[in-house]
Structures are given as C-alpha cells and as structure tokens.
Amino acid sequence: MGTDKVIGGIRCRLERLPATTTELLNSQSKSRQEPANLYIQTLHLLSPYRGRGVAASLLNSLLFSSPPGPGLDGGEYQVSDLVKHYNIRTVTAHVHEANDDALQWYISRGFIVQDGVVENYYRRLKPSGARIVKFVLNWNGRDAGEVGSTSSTANAEGNESRAEGDKDEDDWEKVEPEEADEHDHGVQPLSGSRVLESEESGRKKRKMDDC
C-alpha cells in the first residue's frame, strides 16, 4: 500500500460581482460568461508543512497556468483555464481580525486588506470580527482574448470554431447567478456553482485563519 498523506487543501466558490463592476468588465470583454469573484472558503495546511510554499502552490494551482514570482504581484503571469472559463476577475477571503500571520500571508501575495471589519463573523472567537482581503487578477491581452473558451481559436471557418468551443463548454459545469442576500460581503453567490478544489484538497478542512 502507498504512504500518500493529505497535508492540506483549498476550497472555493464562485460569486457574482457587483452590477457596476460587471458592466465595466463586460464592456471590455466578449465573454459569454458573467465576470465572477473566487471566494476562498478554506485554505488549510497541517502545521509541520507550513513555511514551505505549499499553501501558495494550492492557490496558484487554481489561478495560474504560468505562476508569477514570489507574491502574486511578483511579475507577469498567465491565468489558468479555470479562471478564463469562469471569467474570474477577483479573489477574496475572510481573515480573523486578530490573525496577523494570516493577514500578512495574503498581503505578501498581492492581496489588499479592505477597509472595515465584518463584525460577529467568527461567533466562537473573541474578538469575533473578520477582515476581507482582495486580489484583482490582471489579465493580459492573450488571456482576455481566450475568455469563455479554452480550446477554440478564431479562424476563417467560424462555424467549426464555434462547434469546437461548444464541445469544450460541455466539459465545464454550468453556473447561473442568484440574487444577493443581505448577509453577503459585496459579491453575490452563483446558484449551483461547483465548489472549486485543488487536487491536493484534504477531507478535513477549515479556514486558514482558524489554524
């Protein structure tokens, strides 16, 4: 028998961006997919394996096909097929307001700590507030041109290209937007959206900032 051991995992969900942001991004893109936010629900790593870049690799595996240098703002990068297909433009997470290590981890990877505190987010912790961290994905021209279809390319045989694109669409789960509720944090959940997980995801997960 093998000795493989699950040491960590990442779990995310797709959320709708605010209407004003969506209108702006739609004007800049021909995507059939509505612009979305990727919300990090869980990013967990067993303590003996921390400080080795594993957590960053989990995050990068979802966001990039060609990752940047140290820190998400550490140079040019190419977004992943998943990001292009679901038209993901931002990444957000909640972090316990007193967890300076977790906040610094996100900051060092290009996330910006948003103003204000979400009160009573962690009901079992004191203090109970959360900070929201946000990263904006900067797509280059090539990435923007490929959004909504990861395999089809423009050519003289337009019908053939569209057919190939439609076939590729069948490999991805369809998601439809829902209306926001009063408890959201500036983005709206997509109904029936697939929970996006790295292949290294573990069975036991909890928020990184609870570690």
N, C-alpha and C. Protein backbone atom coordinates (compact mmCIF):
# COMPACT_ATOMS: atom_id res chain seq x y z
N MET A 1 0.82 -1.19 0.00
CA MET A 1 0.00 0.00 0.00
C MET A 1 0.87 1.25 0.00
N GLY A 2 0.36 2.30 -0.60
CA GLY A 2 1.10 3.55 -0.65
C GLY A 2 1.08 4.26 0.69
N THR A 3 1.92 5.25 0.80
CA THR A 3 2.02 6.01 2.05
C THR A 3 1.64 7.47 1.83
N ASP A 4 0.87 7.75 0.77
CA ASP A 4 0.46 9.12 0.50
C ASP A 4 -0.36 9.67 1.66
N LYS A 5 -0.14 10.93 1.97
CA LYS A 5 -0.82 11.57 3.09
C LYS A 5 -1.34 12.93 2.66
N VAL A 6 -2.60 13.20 2.94
CA VAL A 6 -3.17 14.51 2.65
C VAL A 6 -2.68 15.49 3.70
N ILE A 7 -2.04 16.57 3.25
CA ILE A 7 -1.48 17.54 4.20
C ILE A 7 -2.18 18.90 4.16
N GLY A 8 -3.05 19.10 3.19
CA GLY A 8 -3.74 20.39 3.11
C GLY A 8 -4.72 20.42 1.97
N GLY A 9 -5.42 21.54 1.85
CA GLY A 9 -6.38 21.66 0.77
C GLY A 9 -6.92 23.07 0.66
N ILE A 10 -7.52 23.36 -0.49
CA ILE A 10 -8.16 24.65 -0.71
C ILE A 10 -9.56 24.40 -1.27
N ARG A 11 -10.51 25.17 -0.81
CA ARG A 11 -11.90 25.04 -1.24
C ARG A 11 -12.44 26.43 -1.51
N CYS A 12 -13.06 26.61 -2.68
CA CYS A 12 -13.53 27.94 -3.09
C CYS A 12 -14.92 27.86 -3.69
N ARG A 13 -15.56 29.01 -3.85
CA ARG A 13 -16.83 29.07 -4.57
C ARG A 13 -16.83 30.31 -5.46
N LEU A 14 -17.65 30.23 -6.51
CA LEU A 14 -17.80 31.36 -7.43
C LEU A 14 -18.91 32.28 -6.94
N GLU A 15 -18.67 33.59 -7.07
CA GLU A 15 -19.65 34.57 -6.64
C GLU A 15 -19.77 35.66 -7.70
N ARG A 16 -20.97 36.22 -7.80
CA ARG A 16 -21.22 37.29 -8.75
C ARG A 16 -20.63 38.59 -8.24
N LEU A 17 -20.04 39.35 -9.15
CA LEU A 17 -19.52 40.67 -8.82
C LEU A 17 -20.65 41.70 -8.80
N PRO A 18 -20.45 42.84 -8.13
CA PRO A 18 -21.47 43.90 -8.14
C PRO A 18 -21.81 44.33 -9.55
N ALA A 19 -23.03 44.81 -9.75
CA ALA A 19 -23.53 45.15 -11.08
C ALA A 19 -22.65 46.17 -11.80
N THR A 20 -22.19 47.18 -11.08
CA THR A 20 -21.37 48.22 -11.72
C THR A 20 -20.06 47.66 -12.23
N THR A 21 -19.46 46.76 -11.44
CA THR A 21 -18.21 46.13 -11.86
C THR A 21 -18.44 45.22 -13.05
N THR A 22 -19.55 44.48 -13.02
CA THR A 22 -19.88 43.58 -14.12
C THR A 22 -20.07 44.34 -15.43
N GLU A 23 -20.77 45.46 -15.38
CA GLU A 23 -21.00 46.26 -16.58
C GLU A 23 -19.68 46.75 -17.17
N LEU A 24 -18.77 47.18 -16.30
CA LEU A 24 -17.48 47.67 -16.77
C LEU A 24 -16.68 46.55 -17.43
N LEU A 25 -16.62 45.39 -16.80
CA LEU A 25 -15.85 44.28 -17.34
C LEU A 25 -16.48 43.73 -18.62
N ASN A 26 -17.81 43.70 -18.68
CA ASN A 26 -18.48 43.23 -19.89
C ASN A 26 -18.18 44.14 -21.08
N SER A 27 -18.01 45.42 -20.82
CA SER A 27 -17.70 46.36 -21.89
C SER A 27 -16.28 46.16 -22.42
N GLN A 28 -15.45 45.48 -21.63
CA GLN A 28 -14.06 45.26 -22.02
C GLN A 28 -13.81 43.85 -22.53
N SER A 29 -14.84 43.02 -22.53
CA SER A 29 -14.66 41.62 -22.89
C SER A 29 -15.85 41.13 -23.71
N LYS A 30 -15.61 40.11 -24.55
CA LYS A 30 -16.66 39.49 -25.34
C LYS A 30 -17.09 38.16 -24.74
N SER A 31 -16.77 37.95 -23.49
CA SER A 31 -17.06 36.68 -22.83
C SER A 31 -18.55 36.41 -22.74
N ARG A 32 -18.91 35.13 -22.91
CA ARG A 32 -20.30 34.72 -22.68
C ARG A 32 -20.55 34.45 -21.20
N GLN A 33 -19.49 34.34 -20.43
CA GLN A 33 -19.60 34.06 -19.00
C GLN A 33 -19.54 35.36 -18.21
N GLU A 34 -20.47 35.51 -17.28
CA GLU A 34 -20.52 36.71 -16.46
C GLU A 34 -19.27 36.81 -15.58
N PRO A 35 -18.66 37.99 -15.44
CA PRO A 35 -17.49 38.13 -14.58
C PRO A 35 -17.79 37.66 -13.16
N ALA A 36 -16.82 37.01 -12.53
CA ALA A 36 -17.05 36.40 -11.23
C ALA A 36 -15.91 36.67 -10.26
N ASN A 37 -16.23 36.52 -8.99
CA ASN A 37 -15.25 36.55 -7.91
C ASN A 37 -15.04 35.12 -7.41
N LEU A 38 -13.80 34.77 -7.09
CA LEU A 38 -13.50 33.47 -6.50
C LEU A 38 -13.30 33.69 -5.00
N TYR A 39 -14.21 33.14 -4.21
CA TYR A 39 -14.14 33.32 -2.76
C TYR A 39 -13.47 32.11 -2.12
N ILE A 40 -12.42 32.34 -1.34
CA ILE A 40 -11.70 31.25 -0.68
C ILE A 40 -12.43 30.90 0.61
N GLN A 41 -13.09 29.75 0.63
CA GLN A 41 -13.80 29.30 1.81
C GLN A 41 -12.85 28.67 2.83
N THR A 42 -11.91 27.88 2.32
CA THR A 42 -10.99 27.15 3.17
C THR A 42 -9.62 27.09 2.52
N LEU A 43 -8.60 27.37 3.28
CA LEU A 43 -7.21 27.15 2.86
C LEU A 43 -6.48 26.64 4.09
N HIS A 44 -6.22 25.35 4.12
CA HIS A 44 -5.69 24.71 5.33
C HIS A 44 -4.45 23.89 5.01
N LEU A 45 -3.51 23.90 5.92
CA LEU A 45 -2.27 23.13 5.78
C LEU A 45 -1.85 22.66 7.16
N LEU A 46 -1.48 21.38 7.27
CA LEU A 46 -1.00 20.86 8.55
C LEU A 46 0.25 21.62 8.98
N SER A 47 0.34 21.91 10.27
CA SER A 47 1.40 22.78 10.78
C SER A 47 2.82 22.33 10.44
N PRO A 48 3.15 21.02 10.42
CA PRO A 48 4.54 20.64 10.11
C PRO A 48 4.98 21.01 8.70
N TYR A 49 4.01 21.29 7.81
CA TYR A 49 4.34 21.55 6.41
C TYR A 49 4.23 23.03 6.04
N ARG A 50 3.99 23.87 7.03
CA ARG A 50 3.87 25.29 6.75
C ARG A 50 5.24 25.92 6.52
N GLY A 51 5.25 27.03 5.80
CA GLY A 51 6.50 27.72 5.53
C GLY A 51 7.29 27.12 4.39
N ARG A 52 6.70 26.19 3.65
CA ARG A 52 7.39 25.53 2.54
C ARG A 52 6.80 25.90 1.18
N GLY A 53 5.87 26.82 1.16
CA GLY A 53 5.27 27.25 -0.10
C GLY A 53 4.13 26.38 -0.58
N VAL A 54 3.69 25.43 0.25
CA VAL A 54 2.62 24.51 -0.18
C VAL A 54 1.29 25.25 -0.32
N ALA A 55 0.96 26.09 0.66
CA ALA A 55 -0.31 26.82 0.60
C ALA A 55 -0.36 27.73 -0.62
N ALA A 56 0.77 28.39 -0.91
CA ALA A 56 0.83 29.24 -2.10
C ALA A 56 0.65 28.42 -3.37
N SER A 57 1.21 27.20 -3.39
CA SER A 57 1.06 26.33 -4.56
C SER A 57 -0.38 25.91 -4.75
N LEU A 58 -1.10 25.67 -3.65
CA LEU A 58 -2.51 25.32 -3.75
C LEU A 58 -3.30 26.45 -4.40
N LEU A 59 -3.05 27.67 -3.94
CA LEU A 59 -3.74 28.83 -4.51
C LEU A 59 -3.35 29.04 -5.97
N ASN A 60 -2.05 28.95 -6.25
CA ASN A 60 -1.58 29.15 -7.62
C ASN A 60 -2.14 28.11 -8.58
N SER A 61 -2.38 26.88 -8.09
CA SER A 61 -2.88 25.82 -8.96
C SER A 61 -4.26 26.13 -9.50
N LEU A 62 -5.03 26.94 -8.77
CA LEU A 62 -6.35 27.35 -9.25
C LEU A 62 -6.28 28.57 -10.16
N LEU A 63 -5.38 29.49 -9.85
CA LEU A 63 -5.39 30.79 -10.51
C LEU A 63 -4.53 30.88 -11.76
N PHE A 64 -3.44 30.14 -11.81
CA PHE A 64 -2.44 30.39 -12.86
C PHE A 64 -2.05 29.12 -13.62
N SER A 65 -1.83 29.28 -14.92
CA SER A 65 -1.18 28.23 -15.70
C SER A 65 0.31 28.49 -15.75
N SER A 66 0.68 29.76 -15.63
CA SER A 66 2.08 30.17 -15.52
C SER A 66 2.16 31.13 -14.35
N PRO A 67 2.56 30.63 -13.16
CA PRO A 67 2.51 31.46 -11.95
C PRO A 67 3.55 32.57 -11.94
N PRO A 68 3.31 33.60 -11.14
CA PRO A 68 4.27 34.70 -11.01
C PRO A 68 5.42 34.30 -10.11
N GLY A 69 6.33 35.25 -9.90
CA GLY A 69 7.41 35.04 -8.95
C GLY A 69 6.87 35.17 -7.54
N PRO A 70 7.75 35.34 -6.55
CA PRO A 70 7.31 35.47 -5.16
C PRO A 70 6.25 36.56 -5.01
N GLY A 71 5.10 36.18 -4.42
CA GLY A 71 3.99 37.12 -4.30
C GLY A 71 3.23 37.17 -5.61
N LEU A 72 1.90 37.30 -5.53
CA LEU A 72 1.09 37.32 -6.74
C LEU A 72 1.39 38.52 -7.62
N ASP A 73 2.01 39.54 -7.03
CA ASP A 73 2.35 40.72 -7.82
C ASP A 73 3.83 40.72 -8.17
N GLY A 74 4.46 39.55 -8.12
CA GLY A 74 5.89 39.46 -8.34
C GLY A 74 6.28 39.27 -9.79
N GLY A 75 5.53 39.81 -10.72
CA GLY A 75 5.88 39.70 -12.12
C GLY A 75 4.70 39.27 -12.97
N GLU A 76 4.95 39.04 -14.26
CA GLU A 76 3.90 38.65 -15.17
C GLU A 76 3.46 37.21 -14.89
N TYR A 77 2.21 36.93 -15.20
CA TYR A 77 1.68 35.58 -15.04
C TYR A 77 0.60 35.36 -16.07
N GLN A 78 0.26 34.10 -16.30
CA GLN A 78 -0.83 33.75 -17.19
C GLN A 78 -1.90 33.04 -16.38
N VAL A 79 -3.14 33.50 -16.49
CA VAL A 79 -4.21 32.91 -15.69
C VAL A 79 -4.55 31.52 -16.20
N SER A 80 -5.13 30.71 -15.33
CA SER A 80 -5.44 29.32 -15.64
C SER A 80 -6.67 29.20 -16.55
N ASP A 81 -6.86 28.00 -17.11
CA ASP A 81 -8.05 27.74 -17.91
C ASP A 81 -9.31 27.90 -17.07
N LEU A 82 -9.25 27.50 -15.82
CA LEU A 82 -10.40 27.65 -14.93
C LEU A 82 -10.77 29.12 -14.77
N VAL A 83 -9.79 29.98 -14.56
CA VAL A 83 -10.03 31.41 -14.41
C VAL A 83 -10.64 31.98 -15.69
N LYS A 84 -10.10 31.57 -16.84
CA LYS A 84 -10.60 32.08 -18.11
C LYS A 84 -12.02 31.60 -18.38
N HIS A 85 -12.27 30.32 -18.12
CA HIS A 85 -13.60 29.79 -18.42
C HIS A 85 -14.69 30.45 -17.58
N TYR A 86 -14.44 30.58 -16.29
CA TYR A 86 -15.44 31.18 -15.40
C TYR A 86 -15.30 32.69 -15.31
N ASN A 87 -14.41 33.26 -16.10
CA ASN A 87 -14.24 34.72 -16.17
C ASN A 87 -14.01 35.31 -14.78
N ILE A 88 -13.10 34.70 -14.03
CA ILE A 88 -12.80 35.14 -12.66
C ILE A 88 -11.91 36.37 -12.71
N ARG A 89 -12.34 37.44 -12.07
CA ARG A 89 -11.60 38.70 -12.11
C ARG A 89 -11.03 39.11 -10.76
N THR A 90 -11.61 38.61 -9.68
CA THR A 90 -11.11 38.94 -8.35
C THR A 90 -11.12 37.70 -7.47
N VAL A 91 -10.32 37.74 -6.41
CA VAL A 91 -10.26 36.66 -5.42
C VAL A 91 -10.38 37.29 -4.04
N THR A 92 -11.25 36.75 -3.20
CA THR A 92 -11.45 37.32 -1.86
C THR A 92 -11.45 36.23 -0.80
N ALA A 93 -11.26 36.65 0.45
CA ALA A 93 -11.32 35.74 1.59
C ALA A 93 -11.59 36.55 2.85
N HIS A 94 -12.15 35.89 3.85
CA HIS A 94 -12.28 36.47 5.19
C HIS A 94 -11.11 35.99 6.04
N VAL A 95 -10.58 36.88 6.86
CA VAL A 95 -9.49 36.55 7.77
C VAL A 95 -9.84 37.10 9.15
N HIS A 96 -9.62 36.30 10.18
CA HIS A 96 -9.90 36.77 11.54
C HIS A 96 -9.13 38.05 11.81
N GLU A 97 -9.80 39.02 12.38
CA GLU A 97 -9.21 40.35 12.53
C GLU A 97 -7.94 40.37 13.38
N ALA A 98 -7.76 39.37 14.25
CA ALA A 98 -6.58 39.34 15.12
C ALA A 98 -5.50 38.40 14.60
N ASN A 99 -5.73 37.76 13.46
CA ASN A 99 -4.76 36.81 12.91
C ASN A 99 -3.79 37.55 12.00
N ASP A 100 -2.79 38.16 12.59
CA ASP A 100 -1.83 38.96 11.82
C ASP A 100 -1.02 38.11 10.85
N ASP A 101 -0.71 36.87 11.24
CA ASP A 101 0.07 36.00 10.36
C ASP A 101 -0.69 35.70 9.07
N ALA A 102 -1.99 35.39 9.19
CA ALA A 102 -2.79 35.10 8.00
C ALA A 102 -2.94 36.34 7.13
N LEU A 103 -3.18 37.48 7.77
CA LEU A 103 -3.29 38.73 7.01
C LEU A 103 -2.00 39.01 6.25
N GLN A 104 -0.86 38.81 6.91
CA GLN A 104 0.42 39.06 6.26
C GLN A 104 0.66 38.08 5.12
N TRP A 105 0.19 36.84 5.28
CA TRP A 105 0.35 35.85 4.22
C TRP A 105 -0.35 36.31 2.95
N TYR A 106 -1.57 36.80 3.10
CA TYR A 106 -2.31 37.30 1.94
C TYR A 106 -1.67 38.57 1.38
N ILE A 107 -1.27 39.48 2.25
CA ILE A 107 -0.66 40.73 1.79
C ILE A 107 0.59 40.45 0.97
N SER A 108 1.40 39.50 1.42
CA SER A 108 2.65 39.18 0.72
C SER A 108 2.41 38.57 -0.64
N ARG A 109 1.18 38.16 -0.91
CA ARG A 109 0.83 37.59 -2.20
C ARG A 109 -0.05 38.52 -3.02
N GLY A 110 -0.01 39.79 -2.69
CA GLY A 110 -0.66 40.78 -3.52
C GLY A 110 -2.08 41.13 -3.14
N PHE A 111 -2.62 40.51 -2.11
CA PHE A 111 -3.97 40.84 -1.66
C PHE A 111 -3.96 42.17 -0.93
N ILE A 112 -5.07 42.88 -1.03
CA ILE A 112 -5.24 44.15 -0.34
C ILE A 112 -6.28 43.97 0.77
N VAL A 113 -5.95 44.42 1.97
CA VAL A 113 -6.90 44.35 3.08
C VAL A 113 -7.92 45.48 2.91
N GLN A 114 -9.19 45.12 2.83
CA GLN A 114 -10.25 46.09 2.62
C GLN A 114 -10.56 46.85 3.91
N ASP A 115 -11.09 48.04 3.75
CA ASP A 115 -11.45 48.86 4.91
C ASP A 115 -12.59 48.21 5.71
N GLY A 116 -12.58 48.45 7.00
CA GLY A 116 -13.67 47.99 7.84
C GLY A 116 -13.50 46.57 8.35
N VAL A 117 -14.34 46.22 9.30
CA VAL A 117 -14.35 44.88 9.91
C VAL A 117 -15.76 44.33 9.84
N VAL A 118 -15.89 43.06 9.44
CA VAL A 118 -17.19 42.38 9.44
C VAL A 118 -17.42 41.85 10.85
N GLU A 119 -18.28 42.52 11.60
CA GLU A 119 -18.50 42.16 13.00
C GLU A 119 -19.24 40.82 13.13
N ASN A 120 -18.89 40.07 14.19
CA ASN A 120 -19.55 38.81 14.54
C ASN A 120 -19.48 37.76 13.44
N TYR A 121 -18.43 37.81 12.63
CA TYR A 121 -18.28 36.80 11.57
C TYR A 121 -17.85 35.46 12.18
N TYR A 122 -16.92 35.51 13.13
CA TYR A 122 -16.47 34.30 13.82
C TYR A 122 -17.14 34.28 15.20
N ARG A 123 -18.27 33.64 15.30
CA ARG A 123 -19.08 33.72 16.51
C ARG A 123 -18.44 33.03 17.71
N ARG A 124 -17.54 32.08 17.45
CA ARG A 124 -16.92 31.35 18.56
C ARG A 124 -15.59 31.95 18.98
N LEU A 125 -15.17 33.01 18.34
CA LEU A 125 -13.89 33.64 18.66
C LEU A 125 -14.10 35.02 19.26
N LYS A 126 -13.15 35.43 20.06
CA LYS A 126 -13.14 36.77 20.63
C LYS A 126 -11.77 37.40 20.37
N PRO A 127 -11.70 38.53 19.69
CA PRO A 127 -12.80 39.24 19.05
C PRO A 127 -13.40 38.42 17.92
N SER A 128 -14.58 38.79 17.49
CA SER A 128 -15.33 37.97 16.53
C SER A 128 -15.32 38.51 15.11
N GLY A 129 -14.62 39.62 14.88
CA GLY A 129 -14.67 40.25 13.57
C GLY A 129 -13.75 39.62 12.54
N ALA A 130 -14.01 39.95 11.28
CA ALA A 130 -13.20 39.46 10.16
C ALA A 130 -12.82 40.63 9.26
N ARG A 131 -11.64 40.52 8.67
CA ARG A 131 -11.22 41.45 7.63
C ARG A 131 -11.37 40.75 6.29
N ILE A 132 -11.69 41.51 5.26
CA ILE A 132 -11.78 40.97 3.91
C ILE A 132 -10.52 41.33 3.14
N VAL A 133 -9.90 40.32 2.54
CA VAL A 133 -8.74 40.55 1.68
C VAL A 133 -9.14 40.30 0.24
N LYS A 134 -8.57 41.06 -0.67
CA LYS A 134 -8.99 41.00 -2.08
C LYS A 134 -7.79 41.10 -3.01
N PHE A 135 -7.80 40.25 -4.04
CA PHE A 135 -6.78 40.30 -5.08
C PHE A 135 -7.45 40.46 -6.43
N VAL A 136 -6.97 41.40 -7.22
CA VAL A 136 -7.52 41.64 -8.56
C VAL A 136 -6.61 40.97 -9.59
N LEU A 137 -7.18 40.06 -10.36
CA LEU A 137 -6.42 39.37 -11.39
C LEU A 137 -6.24 40.27 -12.60
N ASN A 138 -5.01 40.50 -12.98
CA ASN A 138 -4.71 41.31 -14.16
C ASN A 138 -4.51 40.39 -15.36
N TRP A 139 -5.49 40.39 -16.24
CA TRP A 139 -5.40 39.56 -17.44
C TRP A 139 -4.58 40.28 -18.49
N ASN A 140 -3.71 39.55 -19.20
CA ASN A 140 -3.03 40.17 -20.33
C ASN A 140 -3.89 40.02 -21.57
N GLY A 141 -3.47 40.58 -22.67
CA GLY A 141 -4.27 40.58 -23.89
C GLY A 141 -4.62 39.20 -24.39
N ARG A 142 -3.66 38.28 -24.30
CA ARG A 142 -3.90 36.92 -24.75
C ARG A 142 -4.97 36.23 -23.91
N ASP A 143 -4.86 36.40 -22.59
CA ASP A 143 -5.85 35.81 -21.70
C ASP A 143 -7.25 36.33 -22.00
N ALA A 144 -7.37 37.65 -22.16
CA ALA A 144 -8.67 38.27 -22.40
C ALA A 144 -9.29 37.76 -23.69
N GLY A 145 -8.45 37.49 -24.69
CA GLY A 145 -8.96 37.02 -25.96
C GLY A 145 -9.47 35.60 -25.91
N GLU A 146 -9.03 34.84 -24.89
CA GLU A 146 -9.41 33.44 -24.80
C GLU A 146 -10.55 33.19 -23.83
N VAL A 147 -11.03 34.23 -23.14
CA VAL A 147 -12.03 34.04 -22.11
C VAL A 147 -13.29 33.41 -22.67
N GLY A 148 -13.86 32.45 -21.89
CA GLY A 148 -15.11 31.81 -22.27
C GLY A 148 -14.93 30.59 -23.12
N SER A 149 -13.74 30.38 -23.66
CA SER A 149 -13.47 29.19 -24.46
C SER A 149 -12.00 28.89 -24.36
N THR A 150 -11.66 27.73 -23.83
CA THR A 150 -10.27 27.42 -23.58
C THR A 150 -9.61 26.63 -24.70
N SER A 151 -10.37 26.25 -25.73
CA SER A 151 -9.74 25.46 -26.77
C SER A 151 -9.98 26.03 -28.17
N SER A 152 -11.06 26.76 -28.38
CA SER A 152 -11.36 27.25 -29.72
C SER A 152 -10.56 28.50 -30.04
N THR A 153 -10.18 28.66 -31.30
CA THR A 153 -9.46 29.83 -31.75
C THR A 153 -10.14 30.40 -32.97
N ALA A 154 -10.00 31.72 -33.15
CA ALA A 154 -10.62 32.37 -34.29
C ALA A 154 -9.92 31.94 -35.57
N ASN A 155 -10.71 31.57 -36.59
CA ASN A 155 -10.16 31.25 -37.91
C ASN A 155 -11.24 31.48 -38.95
N ALA A 156 -10.89 31.23 -40.20
CA ALA A 156 -11.81 31.51 -41.30
C ALA A 156 -13.03 30.61 -41.23
N GLU A 157 -12.89 29.41 -40.66
CA GLU A 157 -14.02 28.50 -40.57
C GLU A 157 -14.72 28.75 -39.25
N GLY A 158 -15.51 29.81 -39.21
CA GLY A 158 -16.14 30.23 -37.96
C GLY A 158 -17.05 29.19 -37.36
N ASN A 159 -17.83 28.49 -38.18
CA ASN A 159 -18.75 27.50 -37.66
C ASN A 159 -18.02 26.36 -36.97
N GLU A 160 -16.91 25.93 -37.58
CA GLU A 160 -16.13 24.85 -36.98
C GLU A 160 -15.55 25.28 -35.65
N SER A 161 -15.08 26.51 -35.59
CA SER A 161 -14.50 27.03 -34.35
C SER A 161 -15.55 27.11 -33.25
N ARG A 162 -16.75 27.58 -33.59
CA ARG A 162 -17.81 27.67 -32.60
C ARG A 162 -18.23 26.30 -32.11
N ALA A 163 -18.27 25.32 -33.02
CA ALA A 163 -18.64 23.96 -32.63
C ALA A 163 -17.62 23.39 -31.66
N GLU A 164 -16.35 23.65 -31.93
CA GLU A 164 -15.30 23.17 -31.03
C GLU A 164 -15.42 23.84 -29.67
N GLY A 165 -15.75 25.14 -29.68
CA GLY A 165 -15.92 25.86 -28.43
C GLY A 165 -17.09 25.32 -27.64
N ASP A 166 -18.20 25.00 -28.33
CA ASP A 166 -19.37 24.46 -27.64
C ASP A 166 -19.07 23.09 -27.04
N LYS A 167 -18.27 22.29 -27.76
CA LYS A 167 -17.88 20.99 -27.24
C LYS A 167 -17.05 21.15 -25.98
N ASP A 168 -16.15 22.13 -26.00
CA ASP A 168 -15.32 22.39 -24.83
C ASP A 168 -16.16 22.85 -23.65
N GLU A 169 -17.23 23.62 -23.93
CA GLU A 169 -18.11 24.10 -22.87
C GLU A 169 -18.73 22.94 -22.11
N ASP A 170 -18.98 21.80 -22.80
CA ASP A 170 -19.61 20.67 -22.16
C ASP A 170 -18.74 20.05 -21.08
N ASP A 171 -17.44 20.33 -21.11
CA ASP A 171 -16.53 19.78 -20.11
C ASP A 171 -16.56 20.56 -18.80
N TRP A 172 -17.25 21.69 -18.80
CA TRP A 172 -17.30 22.54 -17.61
C TRP A 172 -18.72 22.58 -17.06
N GLU A 173 -18.82 22.70 -15.75
CA GLU A 173 -20.14 22.79 -15.13
C GLU A 173 -20.77 24.15 -15.40
N LYS A 174 -22.06 24.13 -15.71
CA LYS A 174 -22.79 25.37 -15.97
C LYS A 174 -23.18 26.02 -14.64
N VAL A 175 -23.05 27.33 -14.55
CA VAL A 175 -23.43 28.05 -13.34
C VAL A 175 -24.33 29.21 -13.70
N GLU A 176 -25.32 29.48 -12.87
CA GLU A 176 -26.25 30.58 -13.08
C GLU A 176 -26.25 31.48 -11.85
N PRO A 177 -26.31 32.80 -12.03
CA PRO A 177 -26.25 33.72 -10.88
C PRO A 177 -27.55 33.76 -10.09
N GLU A 178 -27.39 34.00 -8.79
CA GLU A 178 -28.52 34.23 -7.89
C GLU A 178 -28.55 35.69 -7.46
N GLU A 179 -29.67 36.10 -6.89
CA GLU A 179 -29.72 37.42 -6.28
C GLU A 179 -28.94 37.41 -4.98
N ALA A 180 -28.36 38.54 -4.62
CA ALA A 180 -27.61 38.63 -3.37
C ALA A 180 -28.55 38.64 -2.18
N ASP A 181 -28.03 38.18 -1.03
CA ASP A 181 -28.82 38.32 0.19
C ASP A 181 -28.20 39.39 1.07
N GLU A 182 -28.87 39.70 2.15
CA GLU A 182 -28.45 40.82 2.98
C GLU A 182 -27.17 40.56 3.74
N HIS A 183 -26.70 39.30 3.74
CA HIS A 183 -25.51 38.97 4.52
C HIS A 183 -24.27 38.79 3.65
N ASP A 184 -24.36 39.14 2.37
CA ASP A 184 -23.18 38.95 1.53
C ASP A 184 -22.12 40.00 1.87
N HIS A 185 -20.95 39.87 1.25
CA HIS A 185 -19.86 40.79 1.54
C HIS A 185 -19.44 41.54 0.29
N GLY A 186 -20.43 41.93 -0.50
CA GLY A 186 -20.13 42.73 -1.68
C GLY A 186 -20.14 41.95 -2.96
N VAL A 187 -20.32 40.63 -2.87
CA VAL A 187 -20.43 39.80 -4.05
C VAL A 187 -21.64 38.90 -3.87
N GLN A 188 -22.11 38.29 -4.96
CA GLN A 188 -23.32 37.50 -4.91
C GLN A 188 -23.02 36.07 -5.32
N PRO A 189 -23.53 35.05 -4.57
CA PRO A 189 -23.24 33.66 -4.89
C PRO A 189 -23.89 33.23 -6.19
N LEU A 190 -23.24 32.28 -6.89
CA LEU A 190 -23.80 31.71 -8.11
C LEU A 190 -24.49 30.41 -7.74
N SER A 191 -25.76 30.28 -8.07
CA SER A 191 -26.51 29.09 -7.70
C SER A 191 -25.98 27.89 -8.47
N GLY A 192 -25.89 26.76 -7.78
CA GLY A 192 -25.45 25.54 -8.42
C GLY A 192 -24.00 25.56 -8.83
N SER A 193 -23.24 26.50 -8.33
CA SER A 193 -21.85 26.59 -8.76
C SER A 193 -21.05 25.47 -8.15
N ARG A 194 -20.09 24.99 -8.93
CA ARG A 194 -19.24 23.92 -8.43
C ARG A 194 -18.26 24.48 -7.42
N VAL A 195 -18.08 23.76 -6.33
CA VAL A 195 -17.04 24.14 -5.39
C VAL A 195 -15.72 23.77 -6.03
N LEU A 196 -14.83 24.73 -6.13
CA LEU A 196 -13.58 24.53 -6.84
C LEU A 196 -12.50 24.13 -5.86
N GLU A 197 -11.91 22.95 -6.07
CA GLU A 197 -10.92 22.46 -5.14
C GLU A 197 -9.68 22.01 -5.89
N SER A 198 -8.52 22.19 -5.25
CA SER A 198 -7.28 21.67 -5.78
C SER A 198 -7.28 20.16 -5.63
N GLU A 199 -6.50 19.46 -6.47
CA GLU A 199 -6.40 18.02 -6.37
C GLU A 199 -5.79 17.59 -5.04
N GLU A 200 -5.11 18.50 -4.36
CA GLU A 200 -4.46 18.17 -3.09
C GLU A 200 -5.38 18.42 -1.90
N SER A 201 -6.68 18.70 -2.16
CA SER A 201 -7.59 19.03 -1.07
C SER A 201 -7.75 17.86 -0.12
N GLY A 202 -7.82 18.13 1.15
CA GLY A 202 -7.99 17.11 2.16
C GLY A 202 -9.43 16.95 2.55
N ARG A 203 -9.69 15.87 3.28
CA ARG A 203 -11.06 15.62 3.73
C ARG A 203 -11.42 16.51 4.91
N LYS A 204 -10.44 16.86 5.72
CA LYS A 204 -10.71 17.72 6.87
C LYS A 204 -10.19 19.10 6.56
N LYS A 205 -11.12 20.06 6.47
CA LYS A 205 -10.75 21.42 6.08
C LYS A 205 -11.33 22.41 7.07
N ARG A 206 -10.63 23.50 7.25
CA ARG A 206 -11.18 24.62 7.98
C ARG A 206 -10.46 25.86 7.50
N LYS A 207 -10.94 27.03 7.86
CA LYS A 207 -10.36 28.26 7.37
C LYS A 207 -8.91 28.38 7.82
N MET A 208 -8.09 28.90 6.93
CA MET A 208 -6.68 29.05 7.23
C MET A 208 -6.46 29.88 8.48
N ASP A 209 -7.29 30.90 8.66
CA ASP A 209 -7.07 31.79 9.78
C ASP A 209 -7.57 31.22 11.10
N ASP A 210 -8.14 29.99 11.08
CA ASP A 210 -8.50 29.32 12.32
C ASP A 210 -7.38 28.40 12.79
N CYS A 211 -6.33 28.25 11.95
CA CYS A 211 -5.26 27.32 12.28
C CYS A 211 -4.44 27.83 13.47
